[in-house]
Amino acid sequence: GVGPAWSQLELDAQSPRIRVQSIHRQFYTLYSADFERAREWAEWSVRVSLDSAWKLEEAGARLDLGVITYLSGQYEQVLPQYLRALQLYDSLKDDRGVARVNNEMAVFHHKQGDLDRALACLAESENRSRMVGDLEQLGTSLGHHGAFLAVRGRYDEAYPFYLEVLHIRTQLKDYIVTGK
């Protein structure tokens, strides 16, 4: 199950907008716990946000739907969700959102074998993350960048990315680095 905070009763008791926001905030936990239900919630969130003209909520829901569609292997349906999320975040001048979508798009493009496009998305994510001081997204971007190079045997190029990730994760007191 998804745990007591996600009982159907509690979800039903929330206003639709609060529910959409909660689903987005907890999405990675949700799909880890119940993949199919997470897909249903993402689809519902997109519909409700679109019908209600909630741009920020729709952007988050589209990002979530893109992620779960990607993880389902339905690759031809992924990019439209990410591109709509990107368009919405950009129109809202939400650099954190633009960075997040670009990180996910980089993973998608890398999976498709398009390293140049993947690295372009990471560059955009790194730039936006630095602009707003979002160390979490920056660490993700740099980690992907290092991994995409390392998997091609370009270890010398990957090394500085990994060093910066280690520095960021230490700053954030990340469990993986500190063990606490």
N, C-alpha and C. Protein backbone atom coordinates (compact mmCIF):
# COMPACT_ATOMS: atom_id res chain seq x y z
N GLY A 1 0.82 -1.19 0.00
CA GLY A 1 0.00 0.00 0.00
C GLY A 1 0.85 1.24 0.00
N VAL A 2 0.21 2.36 -0.01
CA VAL A 2 0.90 3.64 -0.10
C VAL A 2 1.05 4.26 1.28
N GLY A 3 0.50 3.64 2.30
CA GLY A 3 0.64 4.17 3.65
C GLY A 3 -0.58 4.95 4.06
N PRO A 4 -0.70 5.21 5.34
CA PRO A 4 -1.91 5.82 5.89
C PRO A 4 -2.22 7.20 5.33
N ALA A 5 -1.19 7.98 4.99
CA ALA A 5 -1.44 9.33 4.48
C ALA A 5 -2.14 9.29 3.13
N TRP A 6 -2.09 8.14 2.46
CA TRP A 6 -2.66 8.06 1.13
C TRP A 6 -3.88 7.17 1.06
N SER A 7 -4.54 7.00 2.21
CA SER A 7 -5.78 6.23 2.16
C SER A 7 -6.76 6.96 1.24
N GLN A 8 -7.61 6.21 0.59
CA GLN A 8 -8.56 6.81 -0.35
C GLN A 8 -9.45 7.83 0.36
N LEU A 9 -9.79 7.56 1.63
CA LEU A 9 -10.63 8.50 2.38
C LEU A 9 -9.96 9.86 2.51
N GLU A 10 -8.67 9.85 2.84
CA GLU A 10 -7.97 11.13 2.99
C GLU A 10 -7.89 11.86 1.67
N LEU A 11 -7.62 11.12 0.58
CA LEU A 11 -7.56 11.77 -0.72
C LEU A 11 -8.91 12.37 -1.08
N ASP A 12 -9.99 11.63 -0.82
CA ASP A 12 -11.32 12.12 -1.16
C ASP A 12 -11.71 13.34 -0.34
N ALA A 13 -11.13 13.46 0.86
CA ALA A 13 -11.49 14.58 1.74
C ALA A 13 -10.82 15.89 1.31
N GLN A 14 -9.78 15.81 0.48
CA GLN A 14 -9.07 17.01 0.08
C GLN A 14 -9.77 17.68 -1.10
N SER A 15 -9.58 18.99 -1.21
CA SER A 15 -10.08 19.68 -2.40
C SER A 15 -9.30 19.15 -3.60
N PRO A 16 -9.89 19.18 -4.79
CA PRO A 16 -9.18 18.66 -5.97
C PRO A 16 -7.81 19.31 -6.17
N ARG A 17 -7.71 20.61 -5.97
CA ARG A 17 -6.42 21.29 -6.21
C ARG A 17 -5.36 20.82 -5.21
N ILE A 18 -5.75 20.68 -3.94
CA ILE A 18 -4.82 20.19 -2.92
C ILE A 18 -4.42 18.75 -3.24
N ARG A 19 -5.37 17.96 -3.71
CA ARG A 19 -5.07 16.57 -4.05
C ARG A 19 -4.07 16.50 -5.21
N VAL A 20 -4.30 17.31 -6.25
CA VAL A 20 -3.38 17.34 -7.39
C VAL A 20 -1.98 17.73 -6.92
N GLN A 21 -1.89 18.74 -6.06
CA GLN A 21 -0.59 19.19 -5.55
C GLN A 21 0.07 18.09 -4.72
N SER A 22 -0.70 17.40 -3.91
CA SER A 22 -0.16 16.33 -3.06
C SER A 22 0.34 15.16 -3.89
N ILE A 23 -0.41 14.80 -4.91
CA ILE A 23 0.00 13.71 -5.79
C ILE A 23 1.34 14.06 -6.44
N HIS A 24 1.46 15.29 -6.93
CA HIS A 24 2.71 15.70 -7.58
C HIS A 24 3.88 15.70 -6.59
N ARG A 25 3.65 16.24 -5.43
CA ARG A 25 4.72 16.34 -4.42
C ARG A 25 5.23 14.96 -4.01
N GLN A 26 4.34 13.98 -3.97
CA GLN A 26 4.69 12.64 -3.49
C GLN A 26 4.81 11.62 -4.62
N PHE A 27 4.92 12.08 -5.87
CA PHE A 27 4.75 11.17 -6.99
C PHE A 27 5.76 10.03 -7.02
N TYR A 28 7.01 10.30 -6.73
CA TYR A 28 8.02 9.24 -6.78
C TYR A 28 7.74 8.17 -5.73
N THR A 29 7.30 8.59 -4.56
CA THR A 29 6.91 7.63 -3.52
C THR A 29 5.69 6.84 -3.97
N LEU A 30 4.74 7.53 -4.58
CA LEU A 30 3.50 6.88 -5.02
C LEU A 30 3.76 5.80 -6.06
N TYR A 31 4.54 6.12 -7.09
CA TYR A 31 4.71 5.10 -8.13
C TYR A 31 5.57 3.96 -7.64
N SER A 32 6.43 4.20 -6.67
CA SER A 32 7.20 3.10 -6.08
C SER A 32 6.29 2.14 -5.31
N ALA A 33 5.24 2.69 -4.72
CA ALA A 33 4.34 1.89 -3.90
C ALA A 33 3.24 1.21 -4.72
N ASP A 34 2.70 1.92 -5.71
CA ASP A 34 1.57 1.38 -6.47
C ASP A 34 1.58 2.02 -7.87
N PHE A 35 2.29 1.36 -8.77
CA PHE A 35 2.56 1.92 -10.10
C PHE A 35 1.28 2.24 -10.87
N GLU A 36 0.35 1.30 -10.92
CA GLU A 36 -0.86 1.52 -11.71
C GLU A 36 -1.74 2.62 -11.11
N ARG A 37 -1.85 2.64 -9.80
CA ARG A 37 -2.64 3.71 -9.16
C ARG A 37 -1.99 5.06 -9.40
N ALA A 38 -0.65 5.10 -9.36
CA ALA A 38 0.05 6.36 -9.62
C ALA A 38 -0.23 6.85 -11.04
N ARG A 39 -0.30 5.94 -12.00
CA ARG A 39 -0.64 6.32 -13.37
C ARG A 39 -2.05 6.93 -13.42
N GLU A 40 -3.00 6.26 -12.75
CA GLU A 40 -4.38 6.77 -12.72
C GLU A 40 -4.42 8.16 -12.09
N TRP A 41 -3.69 8.35 -10.99
CA TRP A 41 -3.67 9.66 -10.33
C TRP A 41 -3.04 10.72 -11.21
N ALA A 42 -1.98 10.37 -11.94
CA ALA A 42 -1.35 11.34 -12.85
C ALA A 42 -2.32 11.74 -13.96
N GLU A 43 -2.98 10.74 -14.55
CA GLU A 43 -3.96 11.04 -15.61
C GLU A 43 -5.10 11.90 -15.08
N TRP A 44 -5.60 11.56 -13.89
CA TRP A 44 -6.67 12.35 -13.27
C TRP A 44 -6.20 13.78 -13.01
N SER A 45 -4.97 13.91 -12.51
CA SER A 45 -4.42 15.23 -12.21
C SER A 45 -4.31 16.10 -13.46
N VAL A 46 -3.89 15.49 -14.57
CA VAL A 46 -3.81 16.23 -15.83
C VAL A 46 -5.20 16.72 -16.23
N ARG A 47 -6.20 15.82 -16.20
CA ARG A 47 -7.57 16.19 -16.60
C ARG A 47 -8.12 17.33 -15.74
N VAL A 48 -8.02 17.18 -14.43
CA VAL A 48 -8.58 18.18 -13.52
C VAL A 48 -7.86 19.52 -13.68
N SER A 49 -6.55 19.48 -13.80
CA SER A 49 -5.77 20.72 -13.94
C SER A 49 -6.10 21.43 -15.25
N LEU A 50 -6.24 20.65 -16.30
CA LEU A 50 -6.56 21.20 -17.61
C LEU A 50 -7.96 21.83 -17.59
N ASP A 51 -8.93 21.08 -17.04
CA ASP A 51 -10.31 21.58 -16.95
C ASP A 51 -10.41 22.84 -16.09
N SER A 52 -9.55 22.94 -15.08
CA SER A 52 -9.61 24.06 -14.14
C SER A 52 -8.66 25.19 -14.50
N ALA A 53 -7.88 25.02 -15.58
CA ALA A 53 -6.90 26.02 -16.03
C ALA A 53 -5.86 26.33 -14.95
N TRP A 54 -5.41 25.29 -14.24
CA TRP A 54 -4.34 25.44 -13.25
C TRP A 54 -3.02 25.11 -13.93
N LYS A 55 -2.34 26.13 -14.43
CA LYS A 55 -1.14 25.92 -15.23
C LYS A 55 -0.03 25.20 -14.45
N LEU A 56 0.25 25.67 -13.25
CA LEU A 56 1.34 25.08 -12.47
C LEU A 56 1.04 23.62 -12.15
N GLU A 57 -0.19 23.35 -11.74
CA GLU A 57 -0.58 21.98 -11.41
C GLU A 57 -0.57 21.09 -12.64
N GLU A 58 -1.01 21.65 -13.78
CA GLU A 58 -0.98 20.85 -15.01
C GLU A 58 0.47 20.52 -15.40
N ALA A 59 1.36 21.49 -15.24
CA ALA A 59 2.78 21.24 -15.57
C ALA A 59 3.32 20.08 -14.74
N GLY A 60 3.06 20.09 -13.45
CA GLY A 60 3.53 19.00 -12.59
C GLY A 60 2.90 17.68 -12.94
N ALA A 61 1.61 17.70 -13.25
CA ALA A 61 0.90 16.46 -13.60
C ALA A 61 1.41 15.91 -14.93
N ARG A 62 1.71 16.79 -15.88
CA ARG A 62 2.25 16.35 -17.18
C ARG A 62 3.64 15.74 -16.98
N LEU A 63 4.44 16.35 -16.13
CA LEU A 63 5.76 15.80 -15.82
C LEU A 63 5.61 14.40 -15.23
N ASP A 64 4.72 14.26 -14.26
CA ASP A 64 4.49 12.96 -13.63
C ASP A 64 4.00 11.92 -14.64
N LEU A 65 3.06 12.33 -15.49
CA LEU A 65 2.53 11.42 -16.48
C LEU A 65 3.62 11.02 -17.48
N GLY A 66 4.48 11.96 -17.83
CA GLY A 66 5.60 11.64 -18.70
C GLY A 66 6.52 10.61 -18.07
N VAL A 67 6.83 10.78 -16.79
CA VAL A 67 7.71 9.85 -16.08
C VAL A 67 7.10 8.45 -16.06
N ILE A 68 5.85 8.35 -15.69
CA ILE A 68 5.25 7.02 -15.56
C ILE A 68 5.04 6.37 -16.93
N THR A 69 4.80 7.18 -17.94
CA THR A 69 4.67 6.67 -19.31
C THR A 69 6.03 6.14 -19.79
N TYR A 70 7.09 6.88 -19.49
CA TYR A 70 8.45 6.45 -19.82
C TYR A 70 8.78 5.13 -19.12
N LEU A 71 8.48 5.07 -17.83
CA LEU A 71 8.78 3.86 -17.06
C LEU A 71 7.96 2.66 -17.54
N SER A 72 6.84 2.93 -18.20
CA SER A 72 5.99 1.86 -18.76
C SER A 72 6.52 1.39 -20.11
N GLY A 73 7.51 2.11 -20.65
CA GLY A 73 8.06 1.74 -21.95
C GLY A 73 7.25 2.23 -23.13
N GLN A 74 6.31 3.14 -22.90
CA GLN A 74 5.49 3.69 -23.99
C GLN A 74 6.17 4.96 -24.51
N TYR A 75 7.35 4.77 -25.12
CA TYR A 75 8.23 5.89 -25.42
C TYR A 75 7.63 6.92 -26.37
N GLU A 76 6.80 6.48 -27.32
CA GLU A 76 6.24 7.43 -28.28
C GLU A 76 5.26 8.40 -27.63
N GLN A 77 4.79 8.09 -26.43
CA GLN A 77 3.82 8.96 -25.74
C GLN A 77 4.46 9.86 -24.68
N VAL A 78 5.77 9.75 -24.51
CA VAL A 78 6.46 10.45 -23.42
C VAL A 78 6.69 11.92 -23.75
N LEU A 79 7.30 12.18 -24.90
CA LEU A 79 7.74 13.53 -25.23
C LEU A 79 6.61 14.56 -25.24
N PRO A 80 5.41 14.24 -25.76
CA PRO A 80 4.34 15.25 -25.71
C PRO A 80 4.03 15.71 -24.29
N GLN A 81 4.10 14.80 -23.31
CA GLN A 81 3.83 15.20 -21.92
C GLN A 81 4.93 16.13 -21.41
N TYR A 82 6.19 15.74 -21.66
CA TYR A 82 7.32 16.57 -21.21
C TYR A 82 7.31 17.94 -21.88
N LEU A 83 7.03 17.97 -23.18
CA LEU A 83 7.06 19.25 -23.90
C LEU A 83 5.95 20.18 -23.42
N ARG A 84 4.77 19.63 -23.11
CA ARG A 84 3.69 20.46 -22.57
C ARG A 84 4.07 20.97 -21.18
N ALA A 85 4.67 20.11 -20.35
CA ALA A 85 5.12 20.55 -19.02
C ALA A 85 6.16 21.66 -19.16
N LEU A 86 7.07 21.48 -20.09
CA LEU A 86 8.13 22.48 -20.32
C LEU A 86 7.53 23.82 -20.75
N GLN A 87 6.58 23.76 -21.67
CA GLN A 87 5.91 24.97 -22.15
C GLN A 87 5.21 25.70 -21.00
N LEU A 88 4.53 24.94 -20.15
CA LEU A 88 3.80 25.55 -19.03
C LEU A 88 4.77 26.16 -18.02
N TYR A 89 5.78 25.39 -17.60
CA TYR A 89 6.76 25.92 -16.64
C TYR A 89 7.45 27.16 -17.20
N ASP A 90 7.79 27.12 -18.49
CA ASP A 90 8.46 28.27 -19.10
C ASP A 90 7.54 29.49 -19.10
N SER A 91 6.26 29.29 -19.41
CA SER A 91 5.31 30.41 -19.44
C SER A 91 5.12 31.01 -18.04
N LEU A 92 5.32 30.19 -17.01
CA LEU A 92 5.20 30.65 -15.62
C LEU A 92 6.53 31.18 -15.07
N LYS A 93 7.56 31.15 -15.91
CA LYS A 93 8.91 31.55 -15.51
C LYS A 93 9.38 30.76 -14.29
N ASP A 94 9.06 29.47 -14.29
CA ASP A 94 9.41 28.56 -13.19
C ASP A 94 10.67 27.78 -13.59
N ASP A 95 11.83 28.34 -13.22
CA ASP A 95 13.11 27.74 -13.60
C ASP A 95 13.31 26.36 -12.98
N ARG A 96 12.84 26.17 -11.76
CA ARG A 96 12.96 24.85 -11.12
C ARG A 96 12.20 23.79 -11.92
N GLY A 97 10.99 24.14 -12.33
CA GLY A 97 10.19 23.22 -13.14
C GLY A 97 10.85 22.92 -14.48
N VAL A 98 11.38 23.97 -15.13
CA VAL A 98 12.08 23.78 -16.41
C VAL A 98 13.28 22.86 -16.21
N ALA A 99 14.01 23.04 -15.11
CA ALA A 99 15.17 22.18 -14.82
C ALA A 99 14.73 20.73 -14.63
N ARG A 100 13.68 20.51 -13.88
CA ARG A 100 13.20 19.14 -13.63
C ARG A 100 12.79 18.44 -14.91
N VAL A 101 12.02 19.15 -15.74
CA VAL A 101 11.57 18.54 -17.00
C VAL A 101 12.78 18.22 -17.88
N ASN A 102 13.74 19.12 -17.93
CA ASN A 102 14.93 18.87 -18.76
C ASN A 102 15.72 17.68 -18.25
N ASN A 103 15.79 17.49 -16.94
CA ASN A 103 16.45 16.29 -16.41
C ASN A 103 15.76 15.02 -16.89
N GLU A 104 14.43 15.01 -16.83
CA GLU A 104 13.68 13.83 -17.28
C GLU A 104 13.81 13.64 -18.79
N MET A 105 13.77 14.74 -19.54
CA MET A 105 13.92 14.64 -20.99
C MET A 105 15.31 14.12 -21.36
N ALA A 106 16.32 14.49 -20.59
CA ALA A 106 17.68 14.00 -20.85
C ALA A 106 17.73 12.48 -20.72
N VAL A 107 17.09 11.95 -19.68
CA VAL A 107 17.05 10.50 -19.49
C VAL A 107 16.34 9.85 -20.68
N PHE A 108 15.24 10.43 -21.10
CA PHE A 108 14.49 9.92 -22.25
C PHE A 108 15.36 9.90 -23.50
N HIS A 109 16.00 11.04 -23.82
CA HIS A 109 16.82 11.12 -25.03
C HIS A 109 18.02 10.17 -24.96
N HIS A 110 18.61 10.04 -23.77
CA HIS A 110 19.73 9.11 -23.61
C HIS A 110 19.27 7.68 -23.89
N LYS A 111 18.11 7.32 -23.39
CA LYS A 111 17.55 5.99 -23.62
C LYS A 111 17.33 5.74 -25.11
N GLN A 112 17.00 6.80 -25.85
CA GLN A 112 16.78 6.69 -27.29
C GLN A 112 18.10 6.71 -28.07
N GLY A 113 19.23 6.85 -27.36
CA GLY A 113 20.54 6.85 -28.01
C GLY A 113 20.95 8.20 -28.57
N ASP A 114 20.28 9.27 -28.16
CA ASP A 114 20.60 10.61 -28.67
C ASP A 114 21.37 11.39 -27.60
N LEU A 115 22.69 11.16 -27.55
CA LEU A 115 23.52 11.79 -26.52
C LEU A 115 23.54 13.31 -26.65
N ASP A 116 23.61 13.82 -27.88
CA ASP A 116 23.68 15.27 -28.07
C ASP A 116 22.45 15.96 -27.49
N ARG A 117 21.28 15.41 -27.78
CA ARG A 117 20.04 16.01 -27.27
C ARG A 117 19.97 15.86 -25.75
N ALA A 118 20.40 14.71 -25.24
CA ALA A 118 20.41 14.48 -23.80
C ALA A 118 21.31 15.51 -23.10
N LEU A 119 22.49 15.72 -23.64
CA LEU A 119 23.43 16.68 -23.03
C LEU A 119 22.92 18.11 -23.15
N ALA A 120 22.21 18.42 -24.23
CA ALA A 120 21.62 19.76 -24.37
C ALA A 120 20.56 19.99 -23.28
N CYS A 121 19.75 18.98 -23.01
CA CYS A 121 18.76 19.09 -21.94
C CYS A 121 19.44 19.25 -20.58
N LEU A 122 20.51 18.51 -20.36
CA LEU A 122 21.23 18.64 -19.09
C LEU A 122 21.85 20.01 -18.95
N ALA A 123 22.39 20.56 -20.02
CA ALA A 123 22.97 21.91 -19.97
C ALA A 123 21.91 22.92 -19.56
N GLU A 124 20.71 22.79 -20.14
CA GLU A 124 19.60 23.69 -19.78
C GLU A 124 19.22 23.51 -18.32
N SER A 125 19.14 22.28 -17.87
CA SER A 125 18.79 22.01 -16.48
C SER A 125 19.86 22.55 -15.53
N GLU A 126 21.13 22.32 -15.86
CA GLU A 126 22.22 22.82 -15.03
C GLU A 126 22.15 24.34 -14.93
N ASN A 127 21.95 25.00 -16.07
CA ASN A 127 21.88 26.46 -16.11
C ASN A 127 20.73 26.98 -15.25
N ARG A 128 19.53 26.43 -15.44
CA ARG A 128 18.36 26.89 -14.68
C ARG A 128 18.53 26.61 -13.19
N SER A 129 19.09 25.44 -12.87
CA SER A 129 19.28 25.07 -11.46
C SER A 129 20.26 26.02 -10.78
N ARG A 130 21.33 26.36 -11.47
CA ARG A 130 22.31 27.31 -10.90
C ARG A 130 21.68 28.69 -10.71
N MET A 131 20.84 29.11 -11.67
CA MET A 131 20.20 30.44 -11.61
C MET A 131 19.37 30.59 -10.33
N VAL A 132 18.67 29.53 -9.94
CA VAL A 132 17.78 29.62 -8.80
C VAL A 132 18.34 28.94 -7.55
N GLY A 133 19.58 28.42 -7.64
CA GLY A 133 20.20 27.79 -6.48
C GLY A 133 19.53 26.50 -6.06
N ASP A 134 18.99 25.74 -7.04
CA ASP A 134 18.32 24.47 -6.74
C ASP A 134 19.37 23.36 -6.78
N LEU A 135 19.98 23.10 -5.63
CA LEU A 135 21.05 22.12 -5.57
C LEU A 135 20.56 20.70 -5.84
N GLU A 136 19.33 20.39 -5.47
CA GLU A 136 18.79 19.06 -5.70
C GLU A 136 18.76 18.74 -7.20
N GLN A 137 18.17 19.64 -7.99
CA GLN A 137 18.10 19.43 -9.44
C GLN A 137 19.49 19.52 -10.07
N LEU A 138 20.32 20.42 -9.57
CA LEU A 138 21.67 20.56 -10.10
C LEU A 138 22.45 19.26 -9.90
N GLY A 139 22.35 18.69 -8.72
CA GLY A 139 23.02 17.42 -8.44
C GLY A 139 22.54 16.32 -9.37
N THR A 140 21.23 16.29 -9.63
CA THR A 140 20.67 15.30 -10.55
C THR A 140 21.22 15.50 -11.96
N SER A 141 21.23 16.76 -12.43
CA SER A 141 21.75 17.06 -13.77
C SER A 141 23.20 16.63 -13.91
N LEU A 142 24.01 17.03 -12.95
CA LEU A 142 25.44 16.73 -13.01
C LEU A 142 25.69 15.23 -12.91
N GLY A 143 24.90 14.55 -12.08
CA GLY A 143 25.03 13.10 -11.95
C GLY A 143 24.72 12.39 -13.25
N HIS A 144 23.63 12.82 -13.91
CA HIS A 144 23.29 12.25 -15.22
C HIS A 144 24.40 12.52 -16.23
N HIS A 145 24.91 13.76 -16.22
CA HIS A 145 25.95 14.15 -17.17
C HIS A 145 27.17 13.24 -17.01
N GLY A 146 27.59 13.06 -15.76
CA GLY A 146 28.73 12.17 -15.50
C GLY A 146 28.46 10.75 -15.95
N ALA A 147 27.27 10.25 -15.64
CA ALA A 147 26.91 8.87 -15.98
C ALA A 147 26.84 8.67 -17.50
N PHE A 148 26.28 9.64 -18.22
CA PHE A 148 26.16 9.51 -19.67
C PHE A 148 27.53 9.46 -20.32
N LEU A 149 28.50 10.21 -19.76
CA LEU A 149 29.87 10.18 -20.28
C LEU A 149 30.58 8.89 -19.86
N ALA A 150 30.44 8.51 -18.60
CA ALA A 150 31.14 7.32 -18.09
C ALA A 150 30.71 6.05 -18.82
N VAL A 151 29.43 5.95 -19.12
CA VAL A 151 28.93 4.75 -19.80
C VAL A 151 29.55 4.61 -21.19
N ARG A 152 30.10 5.70 -21.71
CA ARG A 152 30.79 5.67 -23.01
C ARG A 152 32.31 5.58 -22.82
N GLY A 153 32.74 5.34 -21.57
CA GLY A 153 34.18 5.21 -21.30
C GLY A 153 34.92 6.53 -21.23
N ARG A 154 34.18 7.65 -21.17
CA ARG A 154 34.80 8.98 -21.13
C ARG A 154 34.96 9.42 -19.67
N TYR A 155 35.75 8.64 -18.93
CA TYR A 155 35.87 8.81 -17.48
C TYR A 155 36.52 10.14 -17.09
N ASP A 156 37.53 10.57 -17.84
CA ASP A 156 38.19 11.83 -17.51
C ASP A 156 37.22 13.00 -17.62
N GLU A 157 36.33 12.94 -18.61
CA GLU A 157 35.32 13.99 -18.77
C GLU A 157 34.24 13.90 -17.68
N ALA A 158 33.93 12.67 -17.26
CA ALA A 158 32.87 12.46 -16.28
C ALA A 158 33.30 12.88 -14.87
N TYR A 159 34.58 12.72 -14.58
CA TYR A 159 35.11 12.92 -13.23
C TYR A 159 34.72 14.27 -12.59
N PRO A 160 34.91 15.42 -13.28
CA PRO A 160 34.53 16.70 -12.64
C PRO A 160 33.04 16.78 -12.28
N PHE A 161 32.20 16.14 -13.09
CA PHE A 161 30.76 16.14 -12.79
C PHE A 161 30.50 15.38 -11.49
N TYR A 162 31.14 14.22 -11.35
CA TYR A 162 30.98 13.42 -10.13
C TYR A 162 31.51 14.15 -8.91
N LEU A 163 32.63 14.86 -9.07
CA LEU A 163 33.18 15.63 -7.95
C LEU A 163 32.20 16.69 -7.48
N GLU A 164 31.61 17.40 -8.41
CA GLU A 164 30.65 18.45 -8.03
C GLU A 164 29.41 17.84 -7.39
N VAL A 165 28.97 16.69 -7.90
CA VAL A 165 27.82 16.00 -7.29
C VAL A 165 28.14 15.64 -5.84
N LEU A 166 29.32 15.10 -5.61
CA LEU A 166 29.73 14.75 -4.25
C LEU A 166 29.70 15.99 -3.34
N HIS A 167 30.21 17.09 -3.85
CA HIS A 167 30.21 18.35 -3.09
C HIS A 167 28.78 18.79 -2.77
N ILE A 168 27.90 18.73 -3.75
CA ILE A 168 26.49 19.13 -3.56
C ILE A 168 25.81 18.20 -2.56
N ARG A 169 25.97 16.90 -2.75
CA ARG A 169 25.32 15.94 -1.85
C ARG A 169 25.82 16.09 -0.42
N THR A 170 27.09 16.43 -0.26
CA THR A 170 27.64 16.67 1.08
C THR A 170 27.00 17.93 1.68
N GLN A 171 26.88 18.98 0.86
CA GLN A 171 26.21 20.21 1.31
C GLN A 171 24.78 19.95 1.75
N LEU A 172 24.09 19.10 1.00
CA LEU A 172 22.69 18.80 1.29
C LEU A 172 22.55 17.76 2.41
N LYS A 173 23.69 17.27 2.90
CA LYS A 173 23.70 16.24 3.94
C LYS A 173 22.89 15.02 3.47
N ASP A 174 23.12 14.65 2.23
CA ASP A 174 22.46 13.52 1.60
C ASP A 174 22.81 12.23 2.32
N TYR A 175 21.83 11.40 2.53
CA TYR A 175 22.00 10.12 3.24
C TYR A 175 23.07 9.25 2.58
N ILE A 176 23.10 9.24 1.25
CA ILE A 176 24.05 8.39 0.53
C ILE A 176 25.49 8.79 0.88
N VAL A 177 25.71 10.08 1.08
CA VAL A 177 27.06 10.57 1.38
C VAL A 177 27.35 10.45 2.87
N THR A 178 26.40 10.83 3.72
CA THR A 178 26.66 10.89 5.16
C THR A 178 26.36 9.58 5.87
N GLY A 179 25.45 8.78 5.32
CA GLY A 179 25.05 7.55 5.99
C GLY A 179 24.11 7.79 7.16
N LYS A 180 23.65 9.04 7.32
CA LYS A 180 22.76 9.39 8.46
C LYS A 180 21.43 9.87 7.94
